[in-house]
Amino acid sequence: MSAILAGEAALEVDNTPFSDYESDGGSELSTQSLTSSIREHVYENGRRYHRKSAGQYYMPSDEAEQDRLDLAHHLFTSLFGGDLYKAPIGDKEDPANVLDAGTGTGVWALDFGDLHPGSQVIGLDLAPIQPEWTFPNVKFECDDLEKEWTYKPNYFQYIHSRCLSTSIKDWKRYLRQCFKHTAPGGYLEVVEHSLNHLYCDDDTLEGSALKKYITTFGECLAKAGIYADLNSEYLKASLEEAGFTNVKIYATKLPWGSWPKDRAAKRIGAINHLQLQSGLEAHALMVCTQFGGMTAEEARALCHDALKEVDNRSVHAYNYIWNVVGQKPV
């Protein structure tokens, strides 16, 4: 990981494109045997959503979104210098039981299972969009993380939770359940980002379409019952309240576009640019139409205008990715 991404220094601006990743267009582009009812979908504004997620998860589950989720996984591992996690789970002995909460396409669980063949990994998600093929030590299950968990208490040596901020409505309860089912001495790692705020070291964000997008998105999420003010200190305090100790925050800057001068930061921003080409709409379309009083055309225009500023690197915005890691006392 570039030192500048992990540091406090301002990111310098560079107007040179990063051709390895930037493009003019977006990416347009399986699961275990499940009952037909769990495979049901609904279609809204031209996107496919999983019926079981209605009222809980406001992002699509179609092929375009699955591609974006896989790209986001590549983005995170690139941002972390190739690492899958920050928790000090050690390299000498694989953690016996691991839960990937909100596994999405299952790519993190598969990578972890491949890296740790001695671990038994469960990837859990509301939507059955995971592959049928898998490693012998990885399996996928469908369930709601906000319902009562049926796993044994003190069972998982490591729980990984990434980008669930748009779906978890009761963070306190969710983290208490994580604590209950973490084994003594085991770790929970929560990886999240701000939902209603971007950072900028100059004045390019003020009055921008990106500023309007992130503000509108946060307001709509709040109306949907999502805690839009999520931040690292809240997560740290909530982990400690749940019972975790030795809680640490690892904050990493994620540029919105390839505007940084630093070569590594530019590359990360370019990957994020690709992710945002479909990610801006994936995040905002349903919540803006259902809770923001916007038409689909107005919501898409909001996303389109914001993306134009990422495309032309006129706004030098970034957000923080927070890895918050806590340990259950022995």
C-alpha atoms as a PDB file:
ATOM      1  CA  MET A   1       0.000   0.000   0.000  1.00  0.00           C
ATOM      2  CA  SER A   2       1.264   3.465  -0.830  1.00  0.00           C
ATOM      3  CA  ALA A   3       2.479   5.335   2.238  1.00  0.00           C
ATOM      4  CA  ILE A   4       0.589   8.403   1.070  1.00  0.00           C
ATOM      5  CA  LEU A   5      -2.731   6.544   1.226  1.00  0.00           C
ATOM      6  CA  ALA A   6      -2.151   5.530   4.829  1.00  0.00           C
ATOM      7  CA  GLY A   7      -0.648   8.864   5.901  1.00  0.00           C
ATOM      8  CA  GLU A   8      -2.076  12.207   6.867  1.00  0.00           C
ATOM      9  CA  ALA A   9      -0.404  14.173   4.058  1.00  0.00           C
ATOM     10  CA  ALA A  10      -2.643  15.745   1.433  1.00  0.00           C
ATOM     11  CA  LEU A  11      -2.909  13.916  -1.887  1.00  0.00           C
ATOM     12  CA  GLU A  12      -1.296  15.931  -4.675  1.00  0.00           C
ATOM     13  CA  VAL A  13      -3.288  16.395  -7.884  1.00  0.00           C
ATOM     14  CA  ASP A  14      -2.173  15.186 -11.324  1.00  0.00           C
ATOM     15  CA  ASN A  15      -4.200  15.630 -14.535  1.00  0.00           C
ATOM     16  CA  THR A  16      -2.470  12.817 -16.435  1.00  0.00           C
ATOM     17  CA  PRO A  17      -4.810   9.844 -17.156  1.00  0.00           C
ATOM     18  CA  PHE A  18      -3.927   6.416 -15.854  1.00  0.00           C
ATOM     19  CA  SER A  19      -4.523   4.393 -19.008  1.00  0.00           C
ATOM     20  CA  ASP A  20      -4.056   0.949 -17.475  1.00  0.00           C
ATOM     21  CA  TYR A  21      -7.452   1.207 -15.802  1.00  0.00           C
ATOM     22  CA  GLU A  22      -9.375   4.223 -17.100  1.00  0.00           C
ATOM     23  CA  SER A  23     -11.848   3.790 -19.922  1.00  0.00           C
ATOM     24  CA  ASP A  24     -14.739   5.622 -21.509  1.00  0.00           C
ATOM     25  CA  GLY A  25     -17.370   3.008 -20.739  1.00  0.00           C
ATOM     26  CA  GLY A  26     -18.685   0.937 -17.878  1.00  0.00           C
ATOM     27  CA  SER A  27     -18.593  -2.795 -17.452  1.00  0.00           C
ATOM     28  CA  GLU A  28     -21.779  -4.602 -18.539  1.00  0.00           C
ATOM     29  CA  LEU A  29     -21.466  -7.831 -18.286  1.00  0.00           C
ATOM     30  CA  SER A  30     -24.574 -19.881  -9.928  1.00  0.00           C
ATOM     31  CA  THR A  31     -25.172 -20.656  -6.908  1.00  0.00           C
ATOM     32  CA  GLN A  32     -25.835 -23.698  -4.641  1.00  0.00           C
ATOM     33  CA  SER A  33     -29.042 -25.667  -5.072  1.00  0.00           C
ATOM     34  CA  LEU A  34     -31.770 -23.637  -3.402  1.00  0.00           C
ATOM     35  CA  THR A  35     -35.548 -23.583  -3.503  1.00  0.00           C
ATOM     36  CA  SER A  36     -37.176 -21.641  -6.302  1.00  0.00           C
ATOM     37  CA  SER A  37     -38.726 -19.218  -3.820  1.00  0.00           C
ATOM     38  CA  ILE A  38     -35.349 -17.963  -2.620  1.00  0.00           C
ATOM     39  CA  ARG A  39     -34.320 -17.314  -6.216  1.00  0.00           C
ATOM     40  CA  GLU A  40     -37.217 -14.965  -6.887  1.00  0.00           C
ATOM     41  CA  HIS A  41     -36.357 -11.487  -8.044  1.00  0.00           C
ATOM     42  CA  VAL A  42     -38.094  -8.184  -8.600  1.00  0.00           C
ATOM     43  CA  TYR A  43     -37.264  -5.648 -11.292  1.00  0.00           C
ATOM     44  CA  GLU A  44     -37.268  -1.915 -10.709  1.00  0.00           C
ATOM     45  CA  ASN A  45     -35.975   0.918 -12.889  1.00  0.00           C
ATOM     46  CA  GLY A  46     -34.279  -1.590 -15.174  1.00  0.00           C
ATOM     47  CA  ARG A  47     -32.319  -3.323 -12.375  1.00  0.00           C
ATOM     48  CA  ARG A  48     -32.832  -6.723 -10.765  1.00  0.00           C
ATOM     49  CA  TYR A  49     -33.212  -6.993  -6.988  1.00  0.00           C
ATOM     50  CA  HIS A  50     -33.534 -10.099  -4.871  1.00  0.00           C
ATOM     51  CA  ARG A  51     -37.016 -10.443  -3.397  1.00  0.00           C
ATOM     52  CA  LYS A  52     -35.753 -11.660  -0.024  1.00  0.00           C
ATOM     53  CA  SER A  53     -33.802  -8.403   0.352  1.00  0.00           C
ATOM     54  CA  ALA A  54     -36.838  -6.139   0.005  1.00  0.00           C
ATOM     55  CA  GLY A  55     -36.892  -3.501   2.739  1.00  0.00           C
ATOM     56  CA  GLN A  56     -33.476  -4.557   4.038  1.00  0.00           C
ATOM     57  CA  TYR A  57     -30.943  -4.231   1.221  1.00  0.00           C
ATOM     58  CA  TYR A  58     -31.380  -1.539  -1.406  1.00  0.00           C
ATOM     59  CA  MET A  59     -28.791  -2.588  -3.956  1.00  0.00           C
ATOM     60  CA  PRO A  60     -29.295  -4.795  -7.026  1.00  0.00           C
ATOM     61  CA  SER A  61     -28.217  -8.418  -7.410  1.00  0.00           C
ATOM     62  CA  ASP A  62     -27.992  -8.603 -11.211  1.00  0.00           C
ATOM     63  CA  GLU A  63     -24.928  -9.589 -13.240  1.00  0.00           C
ATOM     64  CA  ALA A  64     -23.705  -6.005 -13.582  1.00  0.00           C
ATOM     65  CA  GLU A  65     -23.727  -5.637  -9.795  1.00  0.00           C
ATOM     66  CA  GLN A  66     -21.981  -8.975  -9.302  1.00  0.00           C
ATOM     67  CA  ASP A  67     -19.220  -7.795 -11.631  1.00  0.00           C
ATOM     68  CA  ARG A  68     -18.959  -4.579  -9.629  1.00  0.00           C
ATOM     69  CA  LEU A  69     -18.690  -6.500  -6.353  1.00  0.00           C
ATOM     70  CA  ASP A  70     -15.828  -8.589  -7.743  1.00  0.00           C
ATOM     71  CA  LEU A  71     -14.114  -5.407  -8.941  1.00  0.00           C
ATOM     72  CA  ALA A  72     -14.636  -3.854  -5.501  1.00  0.00           C
ATOM     73  CA  HIS A  73     -12.888  -6.866  -3.966  1.00  0.00           C
ATOM     74  CA  HIS A  74      -9.940  -6.249  -6.284  1.00  0.00           C
ATOM     75  CA  LEU A  75     -10.053  -2.586  -5.256  1.00  0.00           C
ATOM     76  CA  PHE A  76      -9.890  -3.420  -1.550  1.00  0.00           C
ATOM     77  CA  THR A  77      -7.078  -5.946  -1.865  1.00  0.00           C
ATOM     78  CA  SER A  78      -5.115  -3.491  -4.022  1.00  0.00           C
ATOM     79  CA  LEU A  79      -5.737  -0.737  -1.484  1.00  0.00           C
ATOM     80  CA  PHE A  80      -4.433  -3.001   1.296  1.00  0.00           C
ATOM     81  CA  GLY A  81      -1.307  -4.023  -0.606  1.00  0.00           C
ATOM     82  CA  GLY A  82      -2.689  -7.447  -1.501  1.00  0.00           C
ATOM     83  CA  ASP A  83      -3.840  -8.308   2.029  1.00  0.00           C
ATOM     84  CA  LEU A  84      -7.296  -9.739   2.684  1.00  0.00           C
ATOM     85  CA  TYR A  85      -7.489  -8.503   6.274  1.00  0.00           C
ATOM     86  CA  LYS A  86      -5.825  -6.450   8.992  1.00  0.00           C
ATOM     87  CA  ALA A  87      -6.667  -8.705  11.956  1.00  0.00           C
ATOM     88  CA  PRO A  88      -3.565 -10.297  13.553  1.00  0.00           C
ATOM     89  CA  ILE A  89      -4.811 -13.853  13.103  1.00  0.00           C
ATOM     90  CA  GLY A  90      -1.285 -15.109  12.440  1.00  0.00           C
ATOM     91  CA  ASP A  91       0.345 -17.084   9.659  1.00  0.00           C
ATOM     92  CA  LYS A  92       1.442 -20.209  11.545  1.00  0.00           C
ATOM     93  CA  GLU A  93      -1.988 -21.681  12.231  1.00  0.00           C
ATOM     94  CA  ASP A  94      -5.184 -21.254  10.227  1.00  0.00           C
ATOM     95  CA  PRO A  95      -8.209 -20.108  12.268  1.00  0.00           C
ATOM     96  CA  ALA A  96     -10.485 -23.150  12.545  1.00  0.00           C
ATOM     97  CA  ASN A  97     -13.851 -21.501  11.828  1.00  0.00           C
ATOM     98  CA  VAL A  98     -14.306 -18.287   9.852  1.00  0.00           C
ATOM     99  CA  LEU A  99     -17.463 -16.337   8.943  1.00  0.00           C
ATOM    100  CA  ASP A 100     -17.634 -13.910   6.031  1.00  0.00           C
ATOM    101  CA  ALA A 101     -20.717 -11.902   6.980  1.00  0.00           C
ATOM    102  CA  GLY A 102     -22.450 -10.465   3.918  1.00  0.00           C
ATOM    103  CA  THR A 103     -20.272 -12.435   1.520  1.00  0.00           C
ATOM    104  CA  GLY A 104     -21.815 -11.050  -1.704  1.00  0.00           C
ATOM    105  CA  THR A 105     -20.378 -12.995  -4.627  1.00  0.00           C
ATOM    106  CA  GLY A 106     -18.244 -15.000  -2.189  1.00  0.00           C
ATOM    107  CA  VAL A 107     -14.924 -13.904  -3.653  1.00  0.00           C
ATOM    108  CA  TRP A 108     -13.389 -12.874  -0.299  1.00  0.00           C
ATOM    109  CA  ALA A 109     -14.427 -16.196   1.297  1.00  0.00           C
ATOM    110  CA  LEU A 110     -12.914 -18.127  -1.608  1.00  0.00           C
ATOM    111  CA  ASP A 111      -9.654 -16.173  -1.445  1.00  0.00           C
ATOM    112  CA  PHE A 112      -9.448 -16.655   2.311  1.00  0.00           C
ATOM    113  CA  GLY A 113     -10.184 -20.385   2.033  1.00  0.00           C
ATOM    114  CA  ASP A 114      -7.492 -20.741  -0.605  1.00  0.00           C
ATOM    115  CA  LEU A 115      -4.974 -18.859   1.548  1.00  0.00           C
ATOM    116  CA  HIS A 116      -5.954 -20.773   4.703  1.00  0.00           C
ATOM    117  CA  PRO A 117      -6.667 -24.401   3.710  1.00  0.00           C
ATOM    118  CA  GLY A 118      -6.908 -25.410   7.378  1.00  0.00           C
ATOM    119  CA  SER A 119      -9.866 -23.063   7.957  1.00  0.00           C
ATOM    120  CA  GLN A 120     -13.540 -23.876   7.509  1.00  0.00           C
ATOM    121  CA  VAL A 121     -15.075 -20.781   5.932  1.00  0.00           C
ATOM    122  CA  ILE A 122     -18.781 -19.918   5.799  1.00  0.00           C
ATOM    123  CA  GLY A 123     -19.925 -17.136   3.471  1.00  0.00           C
ATOM    124  CA  LEU A 124     -23.337 -15.813   4.533  1.00  0.00           C
ATOM    125  CA  ASP A 125     -25.603 -13.537   2.494  1.00  0.00           C
ATOM    126  CA  LEU A 126     -29.262 -12.722   1.856  1.00  0.00           C
ATOM    127  CA  ALA A 127     -29.001 -13.305  -1.896  1.00  0.00           C
ATOM    128  CA  PRO A 128     -27.836 -16.618  -3.450  1.00  0.00           C
ATOM    129  CA  ILE A 129     -25.398 -15.109  -5.955  1.00  0.00           C
ATOM    130  CA  GLN A 130     -22.364 -17.203  -4.993  1.00  0.00           C
ATOM    131  CA  PRO A 131     -20.781 -19.770  -7.368  1.00  0.00           C
ATOM    132  CA  GLU A 132     -21.693 -23.450  -7.266  1.00  0.00           C
ATOM    133  CA  TRP A 133     -18.035 -24.450  -7.478  1.00  0.00           C
ATOM    134  CA  THR A 134     -16.004 -23.808  -4.370  1.00  0.00           C
ATOM    135  CA  PHE A 135     -13.055 -25.054  -2.362  1.00  0.00           C
ATOM    136  CA  PRO A 136     -13.637 -28.034  -0.026  1.00  0.00           C
ATOM    137  CA  ASN A 137     -13.213 -25.783   2.999  1.00  0.00           C
ATOM    138  CA  VAL A 138     -15.637 -23.037   1.839  1.00  0.00           C
ATOM    139  CA  LYS A 139     -19.433 -23.180   1.844  1.00  0.00           C
ATOM    140  CA  PHE A 140     -22.153 -20.598   1.289  1.00  0.00           C
ATOM    141  CA  GLU A 141     -25.375 -20.114   3.221  1.00  0.00           C
ATOM    142  CA  CYS A 142     -28.358 -17.789   2.820  1.00  0.00           C
ATOM    143  CA  ASP A 143     -29.750 -16.000   5.849  1.00  0.00           C
ATOM    144  CA  ASP A 144     -30.425 -12.588   7.368  1.00  0.00           C
ATOM    145  CA  LEU A 145     -27.612 -11.246   9.542  1.00  0.00           C
ATOM    146  CA  GLU A 146     -30.053  -9.118  11.528  1.00  0.00           C
ATOM    147  CA  LYS A 147     -32.092 -12.115  12.644  1.00  0.00           C
ATOM    148  CA  GLU A 148     -31.067 -14.402  15.503  1.00  0.00           C
ATOM    149  CA  TRP A 149     -27.979 -16.374  14.473  1.00  0.00           C
ATOM    150  CA  THR A 150     -28.221 -20.154  14.693  1.00  0.00           C
ATOM    151  CA  TYR A 151     -24.482 -20.789  14.979  1.00  0.00           C
ATOM    152  CA  LYS A 152     -23.015 -22.059  18.228  1.00  0.00           C
ATOM    153  CA  PRO A 153     -21.794 -19.396  20.669  1.00  0.00           C
ATOM    154  CA  ASN A 154     -18.003 -18.927  20.825  1.00  0.00           C
ATOM    155  CA  TYR A 155     -17.665 -20.696  17.463  1.00  0.00           C
ATOM    156  CA  PHE A 156     -15.737 -18.462  15.039  1.00  0.00           C
ATOM    157  CA  GLN A 157     -12.068 -17.652  15.496  1.00  0.00           C
ATOM    158  CA  TYR A 158     -12.475 -14.846  12.955  1.00  0.00           C
ATOM    159  CA  ILE A 159     -15.481 -12.921  11.611  1.00  0.00           C
ATOM    160  CA  HIS A 160     -15.040 -10.691   8.564  1.00  0.00           C
ATOM    161  CA  SER A 161     -17.678  -8.029   7.826  1.00  0.00           C
ATOM    162  CA  ARG A 162     -17.223  -5.732   4.816  1.00  0.00           C
ATOM    163  CA  CYS A 163     -19.417  -3.003   3.278  1.00  0.00           C
ATOM    164  CA  LEU A 164     -22.638  -3.801   5.140  1.00  0.00           C
ATOM    165  CA  SER A 165     -23.354  -0.161   6.005  1.00  0.00           C
ATOM    166  CA  THR A 166     -26.283   0.082   3.584  1.00  0.00           C
ATOM    167  CA  SER A 167     -27.965  -3.034   4.993  1.00  0.00           C
ATOM    168  CA  ILE A 168     -27.384  -3.171   8.762  1.00  0.00           C
ATOM    169  CA  LYS A 169     -30.016  -1.083  10.529  1.00  0.00           C
ATOM    170  CA  ASP A 170     -29.150  -2.028  14.116  1.00  0.00           C
ATOM    171  CA  TRP A 171     -25.377  -1.978  14.414  1.00  0.00           C
ATOM    172  CA  LYS A 172     -25.387  -2.449  18.187  1.00  0.00           C
ATOM    173  CA  ARG A 173     -27.387  -5.685  17.926  1.00  0.00           C
ATOM    174  CA  TYR A 174     -25.354  -6.921  14.976  1.00  0.00           C
ATOM    175  CA  LEU A 175     -22.068  -6.421  16.821  1.00  0.00           C
ATOM    176  CA  ARG A 176     -23.452  -8.086  19.954  1.00  0.00           C
ATOM    177  CA  GLN A 177     -24.283 -11.129  17.852  1.00  0.00           C
ATOM    178  CA  CYS A 178     -20.773 -11.072  16.396  1.00  0.00           C
ATOM    179  CA  PHE A 179     -19.374 -11.008  19.935  1.00  0.00           C
ATOM    180  CA  LYS A 180     -21.601 -13.876  21.082  1.00  0.00           C
ATOM    181  CA  HIS A 181     -20.432 -16.132  18.265  1.00  0.00           C
ATOM    182  CA  THR A 182     -16.744 -15.163  18.281  1.00  0.00           C
ATOM    183  CA  ALA A 183     -14.539 -17.634  20.114  1.00  0.00           C
ATOM    184  CA  PRO A 184     -12.555 -16.358  23.113  1.00  0.00           C
ATOM    185  CA  GLY A 185      -9.339 -14.882  21.751  1.00  0.00           C
ATOM    186  CA  GLY A 186     -10.880 -14.606  18.296  1.00  0.00           C
ATOM    187  CA  TYR A 187     -11.231 -11.457  16.175  1.00  0.00           C
ATOM    188  CA  LEU A 188     -13.928  -9.413  14.479  1.00  0.00           C
ATOM    189  CA  GLU A 189     -12.946  -7.153  11.586  1.00  0.00           C
ATOM    190  CA  VAL A 190     -15.443  -4.577  10.294  1.00  0.00           C
ATOM    191  CA  VAL A 191     -14.532  -2.816   7.030  1.00  0.00           C
ATOM    192  CA  GLU A 192     -16.692   0.231   6.263  1.00  0.00           C
ATOM    193  CA  HIS A 193     -16.741   3.732   4.805  1.00  0.00           C
ATOM    194  CA  SER A 194     -18.742   6.925   5.184  1.00  0.00           C
ATOM    195  CA  LEU A 195     -22.174   7.020   3.567  1.00  0.00           C
ATOM    196  CA  ASN A 196     -22.806  10.763   3.541  1.00  0.00           C
ATOM    197  CA  HIS A 197     -19.431  12.492   3.461  1.00  0.00           C
ATOM    198  CA  LEU A 198     -16.435  12.860   1.136  1.00  0.00           C
ATOM    199  CA  TYR A 199     -13.108  14.466   1.969  1.00  0.00           C
ATOM    200  CA  CYS A 200     -11.186  16.972  -0.126  1.00  0.00           C
ATOM    201  CA  ASP A 201      -7.930  18.859   0.488  1.00  0.00           C
ATOM    202  CA  ASP A 202      -8.803  21.780  -1.804  1.00  0.00           C
ATOM    203  CA  ASP A 203     -12.020  23.619  -2.697  1.00  0.00           C
ATOM    204  CA  THR A 204     -13.036  21.464  -5.678  1.00  0.00           C
ATOM    205  CA  LEU A 205     -15.700  19.477  -3.803  1.00  0.00           C
ATOM    206  CA  GLU A 206     -17.773  22.490  -2.735  1.00  0.00           C
ATOM    207  CA  GLY A 207     -20.731  23.107  -5.013  1.00  0.00           C
ATOM    208  CA  SER A 208     -19.931  20.014  -7.075  1.00  0.00           C
ATOM    209  CA  ALA A 209     -22.233  17.310  -8.401  1.00  0.00           C
ATOM    210  CA  LEU A 210     -20.272  14.801  -6.303  1.00  0.00           C
ATOM    211  CA  LYS A 211     -21.097  16.785  -3.174  1.00  0.00           C
ATOM    212  CA  LYS A 212     -24.775  16.828  -4.170  1.00  0.00           C
ATOM    213  CA  TYR A 213     -24.696  13.091  -4.839  1.00  0.00           C
ATOM    214  CA  ILE A 214     -23.174  12.045  -1.508  1.00  0.00           C
ATOM    215  CA  THR A 215     -25.383  14.456   0.476  1.00  0.00           C
ATOM    216  CA  THR A 216     -28.569  13.316  -1.265  1.00  0.00           C
ATOM    217  CA  PHE A 217     -27.595   9.669  -0.910  1.00  0.00           C
ATOM    218  CA  GLY A 218     -27.005  10.068   2.826  1.00  0.00           C
ATOM    219  CA  GLU A 219     -30.320  11.853   3.328  1.00  0.00           C
ATOM    220  CA  CYS A 220     -32.224   9.114   1.484  1.00  0.00           C
ATOM    221  CA  LEU A 221     -30.491   6.378   3.467  1.00  0.00           C
ATOM    222  CA  ALA A 222     -31.444   8.086   6.717  1.00  0.00           C
ATOM    223  CA  LYS A 223     -35.088   8.111   5.598  1.00  0.00           C
ATOM    224  CA  ALA A 224     -34.757   4.384   4.862  1.00  0.00           C
ATOM    225  CA  GLY A 225     -33.672   3.745   8.452  1.00  0.00           C
ATOM    226  CA  ILE A 226     -29.966   3.324   7.672  1.00  0.00           C
ATOM    227  CA  TYR A 227     -27.445   4.932  10.019  1.00  0.00           C
ATOM    228  CA  ALA A 228     -25.909   7.309   7.467  1.00  0.00           C
ATOM    229  CA  ASP A 229     -23.508   8.957   9.966  1.00  0.00           C
ATOM    230  CA  LEU A 230     -21.472   5.760  10.373  1.00  0.00           C
ATOM    231  CA  ASN A 231     -17.819   6.491  11.161  1.00  0.00           C
ATOM    232  CA  SER A 232     -14.774   4.758  12.589  1.00  0.00           C
ATOM    233  CA  GLU A 233     -15.122   6.150  16.113  1.00  0.00           C
ATOM    234  CA  TYR A 234     -18.751   4.992  16.286  1.00  0.00           C
ATOM    235  CA  LEU A 235     -17.704   1.520  15.156  1.00  0.00           C
ATOM    236  CA  LYS A 236     -14.828   1.400  17.654  1.00  0.00           C
ATOM    237  CA  ALA A 237     -17.088   2.463  20.531  1.00  0.00           C
ATOM    238  CA  SER A 238     -19.758  -0.034  19.460  1.00  0.00           C
ATOM    239  CA  LEU A 239     -17.260  -2.911  19.305  1.00  0.00           C
ATOM    240  CA  GLU A 240     -16.047  -2.015  22.777  1.00  0.00           C
ATOM    241  CA  GLU A 241     -19.624  -1.756  24.038  1.00  0.00           C
ATOM    242  CA  ALA A 242     -20.293  -5.235  22.650  1.00  0.00           C
ATOM    243  CA  GLY A 243     -17.340  -6.555  24.648  1.00  0.00           C
ATOM    244  CA  PHE A 244     -14.413  -6.541  22.241  1.00  0.00           C
ATOM    245  CA  THR A 245     -11.049  -5.321  23.497  1.00  0.00           C
ATOM    246  CA  ASN A 246      -7.792  -4.157  21.892  1.00  0.00           C
ATOM    247  CA  VAL A 247      -9.913  -2.378  19.267  1.00  0.00           C
ATOM    248  CA  LYS A 248      -7.818  -0.737  16.569  1.00  0.00           C
ATOM    249  CA  ILE A 249      -8.740   1.464  13.597  1.00  0.00           C
ATOM    250  CA  TYR A 250      -6.814   1.258  10.320  1.00  0.00           C
ATOM    251  CA  ALA A 251      -7.789   4.184   8.076  1.00  0.00           C
ATOM    252  CA  THR A 252      -6.868   4.222   4.386  1.00  0.00           C
ATOM    253  CA  LYS A 253      -7.598   6.943   1.829  1.00  0.00           C
ATOM    254  CA  LEU A 254      -9.524   5.908  -1.282  1.00  0.00           C
ATOM    255  CA  PRO A 255      -9.396   8.491  -4.119  1.00  0.00           C
ATOM    256  CA  TRP A 256     -12.507   8.961  -6.260  1.00  0.00           C
ATOM    257  CA  GLY A 257     -10.742   8.922  -9.610  1.00  0.00           C
ATOM    258  CA  SER A 258      -7.179   8.962 -10.907  1.00  0.00           C
ATOM    259  CA  TRP A 259      -6.439  12.580  -9.998  1.00  0.00           C
ATOM    260  CA  PRO A 260      -3.659  11.925  -7.388  1.00  0.00           C
ATOM    261  CA  LYS A 261      -0.047  12.540  -8.390  1.00  0.00           C
ATOM    262  CA  ASP A 262       1.320   9.619  -6.375  1.00  0.00           C
ATOM    263  CA  ARG A 263       1.563   6.650  -8.756  1.00  0.00           C
ATOM    264  CA  ALA A 264       0.109   4.055  -6.387  1.00  0.00           C
ATOM    265  CA  ALA A 265      -2.715   6.377  -5.296  1.00  0.00           C
ATOM    266  CA  LYS A 266      -3.454   7.155  -8.967  1.00  0.00           C
ATOM    267  CA  ARG A 267      -3.754   3.426  -9.733  1.00  0.00           C
ATOM    268  CA  ILE A 268      -6.102   2.863  -6.790  1.00  0.00           C
ATOM    269  CA  GLY A 269      -8.194   5.857  -7.855  1.00  0.00           C
ATOM    270  CA  ALA A 270      -8.393   4.500 -11.414  1.00  0.00           C
ATOM    271  CA  ILE A 271      -9.696   1.144 -10.176  1.00  0.00           C
ATOM    272  CA  ASN A 272     -12.222   2.988  -8.025  1.00  0.00           C
ATOM    273  CA  HIS A 273     -13.224   5.019 -11.094  1.00  0.00           C
ATOM    274  CA  LEU A 274     -14.185   1.779 -12.848  1.00  0.00           C
ATOM    275  CA  GLN A 275     -16.102   0.624  -9.785  1.00  0.00           C
ATOM    276  CA  LEU A 276     -17.973   3.925  -9.569  1.00  0.00           C
ATOM    277  CA  GLN A 277     -19.131   3.694 -13.189  1.00  0.00           C
ATOM    278  CA  SER A 278     -21.845   1.303 -12.064  1.00  0.00           C
ATOM    279  CA  GLY A 279     -21.458   1.734  -8.301  1.00  0.00           C
ATOM    280  CA  LEU A 280     -22.903   5.244  -8.068  1.00  0.00           C
ATOM    281  CA  GLU A 281     -26.181   4.075  -9.576  1.00  0.00           C
ATOM    282  CA  ALA A 282     -26.177   0.723  -7.773  1.00  0.00           C
ATOM    283  CA  HIS A 283     -26.007   2.493  -4.421  1.00  0.00           C
ATOM    284  CA  ALA A 284     -28.382   5.370  -5.067  1.00  0.00           C
ATOM    285  CA  LEU A 285     -31.049   4.354  -7.584  1.00  0.00           C
ATOM    286  CA  MET A 286     -33.481   2.527  -5.302  1.00  0.00           C
ATOM    287  CA  VAL A 287     -33.095   4.701  -2.192  1.00  0.00           C
ATOM    288  CA  CYS A 288     -33.381   7.945  -4.176  1.00  0.00           C
ATOM    289  CA  THR A 289     -36.575   6.813  -5.920  1.00  0.00           C
ATOM    290  CA  GLN A 290     -38.168   5.166  -2.883  1.00  0.00           C
ATOM    291  CA  PHE A 291     -37.146   7.645  -0.178  1.00  0.00           C
ATOM    292  CA  GLY A 292     -35.976  10.789  -1.984  1.00  0.00           C
ATOM    293  CA  GLY A 293     -39.057  11.532  -4.045  1.00  0.00           C
ATOM    294  CA  MET A 294     -37.030  11.333  -7.246  1.00  0.00           C
ATOM    295  CA  THR A 295     -37.944   9.761 -10.557  1.00  0.00           C
ATOM    296  CA  ALA A 296     -35.600   7.140 -12.005  1.00  0.00           C
ATOM    297  CA  GLU A 297     -34.505   9.701 -14.595  1.00  0.00           C
ATOM    298  CA  GLU A 298     -33.688  12.265 -11.894  1.00  0.00           C
ATOM    299  CA  ALA A 299     -31.748   9.694  -9.857  1.00  0.00           C
ATOM    300  CA  ARG A 300     -29.763   8.590 -12.897  1.00  0.00           C
ATOM    301  CA  ALA A 301     -29.021  12.225 -13.762  1.00  0.00           C
ATOM    302  CA  LEU A 302     -27.682  12.732 -10.221  1.00  0.00           C
ATOM    303  CA  CYS A 303     -25.350   9.753 -10.702  1.00  0.00           C
ATOM    304  CA  HIS A 304     -24.385  10.785 -14.241  1.00  0.00           C
ATOM    305  CA  ASP A 305     -23.414  14.320 -13.238  1.00  0.00           C
ATOM    306  CA  ALA A 306     -21.328  13.025 -10.330  1.00  0.00           C
ATOM    307  CA  LEU A 307     -19.581  10.458 -12.519  1.00  0.00           C
ATOM    308  CA  LYS A 308     -18.656  13.151 -15.076  1.00  0.00           C
ATOM    309  CA  GLU A 309     -16.592  14.868 -12.373  1.00  0.00           C
ATOM    310  CA  VAL A 310     -14.810  11.595 -11.622  1.00  0.00           C
ATOM    311  CA  ASP A 311     -14.238  11.100 -15.363  1.00  0.00           C
ATOM    312  CA  ASN A 312     -12.622  14.502 -15.908  1.00  0.00           C
ATOM    313  CA  ARG A 313     -10.805  14.593 -12.537  1.00  0.00           C
ATOM    314  CA  SER A 314     -12.183  18.060 -11.811  1.00  0.00           C
ATOM    315  CA  VAL A 315     -13.111  17.185  -8.208  1.00  0.00           C
ATOM    316  CA  HIS A 316     -10.328  15.865  -5.972  1.00  0.00           C
ATOM    317  CA  ALA A 317     -12.428  13.865  -3.533  1.00  0.00           C
ATOM    318  CA  TYR A 318     -11.623  10.797  -1.490  1.00  0.00           C
ATOM    319  CA  ASN A 319     -13.130   8.817   1.344  1.00  0.00           C
ATOM    320  CA  TYR A 320     -11.636   6.692   4.097  1.00  0.00           C
ATOM    321  CA  ILE A 321     -11.893   2.929   4.296  1.00  0.00           C
ATOM    322  CA  TRP A 322     -11.918   1.933   7.951  1.00  0.00           C
ATOM    323  CA  ASN A 323     -10.764  -1.499   9.101  1.00  0.00           C
ATOM    324  CA  VAL A 324     -11.910  -1.722  12.716  1.00  0.00           C
ATOM    325  CA  VAL A 325     -10.501  -4.793  14.461  1.00  0.00           C
ATOM    326  CA  GLY A 326     -11.412  -6.073  17.922  1.00  0.00           C
ATOM    327  CA  GLN A 327     -10.622  -9.182  19.970  1.00  0.00           C
ATOM    328  CA  LYS A 328     -12.881 -11.186  22.240  1.00  0.00           C
ATOM    329  CA  PRO A 329     -11.257 -11.606  25.668  1.00  0.00           C
ATOM    330  CA  VAL A 330     -10.017 -15.085  26.520  1.00  0.00           C
END
